Amino acid sequence: MLLLAIARLARSEPDTPVLERMVSMGAAIQNLLLTAHAMDTGTGLTSGQAMRSPRLAALCALGADESPVFCINIGSVTRHKPPARVRPAPALFFSDLPSAAVAGERSRRSMQRGRRALRPNRPTTRRISVPSSR
C-alpha cells in the first residue's frame, strides 16, 4: 500500500497555525506506523525531490494550497536489514539517583543547616548521560 501525506497550507477553520497542523500530521503518521508495526507489517517513509514534482501534483489532483509531504509505504517485509551497530547497554546511559532513604537523610541534614528540604514522597528519577565517543 502506498499513501501520500498531503499538507493543506491555506488558512483553515478553526484558524490553526500551519506549524501546529504539521506537528499533528507527524503524530498521526507515527501512530499509523506504530500500529502497522504492531501488526507485523513493514512500514517506511519516502520523500525527496519527487514531492516537489508537478507530475505528482497532477497525478494526485492537488490543489494550489496542498503540498505533498511524504509517501507512507506499508507492506510485507521480505528481508530485514542487518543492524547498523550493536546497541549499547542501558547502564552506559542511565543511573539511579539516591534512594528515598538516602534522600531522606540528606533532607534531614539540609533542614538542620537551614536549607530547603527535599520532598520525601518524590518519585524515583533517572539521570541520563551520553558517553563520549572515542
Protein backbone atom coordinates (compact mmCIF):
# COMPACT_ATOMS: atom_id res chain seq x y z
CA MET A 1 0.00 0.00 0.00
CA LEU A 2 1.26 3.45 -0.83
CA LEU A 3 -0.26 6.50 0.83
CA LEU A 4 0.57 10.14 0.22
CA ALA A 5 0.62 12.55 3.17
CA ILE A 6 -0.67 15.92 2.00
CA ALA A 7 -0.50 19.17 3.95
CA ARG A 8 -3.16 21.78 3.30
CA LEU A 9 -1.31 25.01 3.91
CA ALA A 10 -4.12 27.54 3.34
CA ARG A 11 -5.96 29.15 6.25
CA SER A 12 -8.43 26.81 7.89
CA GLU A 13 -11.38 26.91 10.25
CA PRO A 14 -10.67 26.98 13.10
CA ASP A 15 -7.62 29.12 12.44
CA THR A 16 -4.90 26.59 13.32
CA PRO A 17 -1.29 27.63 12.59
CA VAL A 18 0.44 25.68 9.81
CA LEU A 19 3.22 24.50 12.15
CA GLU A 20 0.67 23.04 14.58
CA ARG A 21 -1.08 21.22 11.73
CA MET A 22 2.25 19.79 10.54
CA VAL A 23 3.11 18.56 14.05
CA SER A 24 -0.34 16.97 14.34
CA MET A 25 0.12 15.25 10.99
CA GLY A 26 3.51 13.89 12.10
CA ALA A 27 1.99 12.48 15.30
CA ALA A 28 -0.88 10.89 13.36
CA ILE A 29 1.53 9.33 10.86
CA GLN A 30 3.71 7.97 13.67
CA ASN A 31 0.62 6.35 15.21
CA LEU A 32 -0.15 4.77 11.83
CA LEU A 33 3.43 3.43 11.54
CA LEU A 34 3.41 2.08 15.10
CA THR A 35 0.05 0.36 14.56
CA ALA A 36 1.30 -1.27 11.37
CA HIS A 37 4.50 -2.38 13.15
CA ALA A 38 2.45 -3.90 15.99
CA MET A 39 0.58 -5.90 13.33
CA ASP A 40 3.90 -7.26 11.96
CA THR A 41 3.67 -5.13 8.84
CA GLY A 42 6.63 -3.29 7.37
CA THR A 43 6.46 0.47 7.02
CA GLY A 44 8.62 3.29 5.79
CA LEU A 45 8.53 6.89 4.67
CA THR A 46 9.73 8.19 1.31
CA SER A 47 10.35 11.83 0.50
CA GLY A 48 12.70 13.93 -1.57
CA GLN A 49 12.59 15.71 -4.90
CA ALA A 50 9.58 13.70 -6.10
CA MET A 51 7.44 15.54 -3.56
CA ARG A 52 8.01 18.79 -5.49
CA SER A 53 7.25 17.24 -8.87
CA PRO A 54 4.47 18.87 -10.93
CA ARG A 55 3.68 15.39 -12.29
CA LEU A 56 2.94 14.09 -8.78
CA ALA A 57 0.73 17.10 -8.08
CA ALA A 58 -1.17 16.48 -11.33
CA LEU A 59 -1.45 12.72 -10.72
CA CYS A 60 -2.97 13.30 -7.27
CA ALA A 61 -5.04 16.32 -8.40
CA LEU A 62 -3.54 18.51 -5.68
CA GLY A 63 -4.96 21.97 -5.17
CA ALA A 64 -2.85 25.12 -5.09
CA ASP A 65 -2.96 25.12 -1.26
CA GLU A 66 -1.97 21.44 -0.96
CA SER A 67 1.59 20.18 -0.70
CA PRO A 68 2.77 16.54 -0.68
CA VAL A 69 4.98 15.87 2.34
CA PHE A 70 5.99 12.21 2.00
CA CYS A 71 4.80 8.79 0.90
CA ILE A 72 3.90 6.19 3.50
CA ASN A 73 4.87 2.68 2.41
CA ILE A 74 3.07 -0.21 4.12
CA GLY A 75 3.55 -3.86 3.19
CA SER A 76 5.10 -7.24 3.89
CA VAL A 77 8.72 -7.49 4.96
CA THR A 78 10.68 -9.82 2.67
CA ARG A 79 14.08 -9.30 4.28
CA HIS A 80 15.46 -7.47 7.29
CA LYS A 81 18.38 -5.08 7.20
CA PRO A 82 21.27 -6.16 9.41
CA PRO A 83 21.71 -3.93 12.46
CA ALA A 84 23.99 -0.99 11.67
CA ARG A 85 25.70 -1.28 15.06
CA VAL A 86 25.47 -3.14 18.32
CA ARG A 87 23.18 -1.31 20.72
CA PRO A 88 24.96 -0.16 23.87
CA ALA A 89 23.86 -1.44 27.26
CA PRO A 90 21.34 0.86 29.03
CA ALA A 91 23.68 1.03 32.02
CA LEU A 92 26.00 3.20 29.92
CA PHE A 93 23.29 5.86 29.71
CA PHE A 94 21.19 5.54 32.88
CA SER A 95 21.97 5.50 36.54
CA ASP A 96 19.71 5.55 39.59
CA LEU A 97 19.61 8.61 41.76
CA PRO A 98 19.90 8.07 45.52
CA SER A 99 17.13 6.04 47.12
CA ALA A 100 14.43 7.63 49.26
CA ALA A 101 16.25 6.64 52.46
CA VAL A 102 19.42 8.41 51.37
CA ALA A 103 17.40 11.39 50.12
CA GLY A 104 15.55 11.48 53.46
CA GLU A 105 18.84 11.56 55.38
CA ARG A 106 20.12 14.35 53.15
CA SER A 107 16.82 16.15 53.68
CA ARG A 108 17.20 15.92 57.47
CA ARG A 109 20.75 17.26 57.26
CA SER A 110 19.65 20.08 54.95
CA MET A 111 16.94 21.10 57.39
CA GLN A 112 19.48 21.15 60.21
CA ARG A 113 21.63 23.52 58.17
CA GLY A 114 18.62 25.71 57.40
CA ARG A 115 18.36 24.77 53.73
CA ARG A 116 15.23 23.79 51.88
CA ALA A 117 14.43 20.09 52.33
CA LEU A 118 13.73 17.58 49.57
CA ARG A 119 10.17 16.32 49.34
CA PRO A 120 10.03 12.86 51.00
CA ASN A 121 7.42 11.36 48.62
CA ARG A 122 9.32 12.32 45.50
CA PRO A 123 9.18 9.63 42.78
CA THR A 124 12.37 7.89 41.70
CA THR A 125 14.01 9.69 38.80
CA ARG A 126 16.76 8.71 36.43
CA ARG A 127 19.69 10.74 35.18
CA ILE A 128 20.58 10.43 31.52
CA SER A 129 24.15 10.86 30.36
CA VAL A 130 25.63 10.35 26.93
CA PRO A 131 29.02 8.62 26.83
CA SER A 132 31.71 10.34 24.86
CA SER A 133 32.66 8.67 21.60
CA ARG A 134 36.29 7.70 21.36
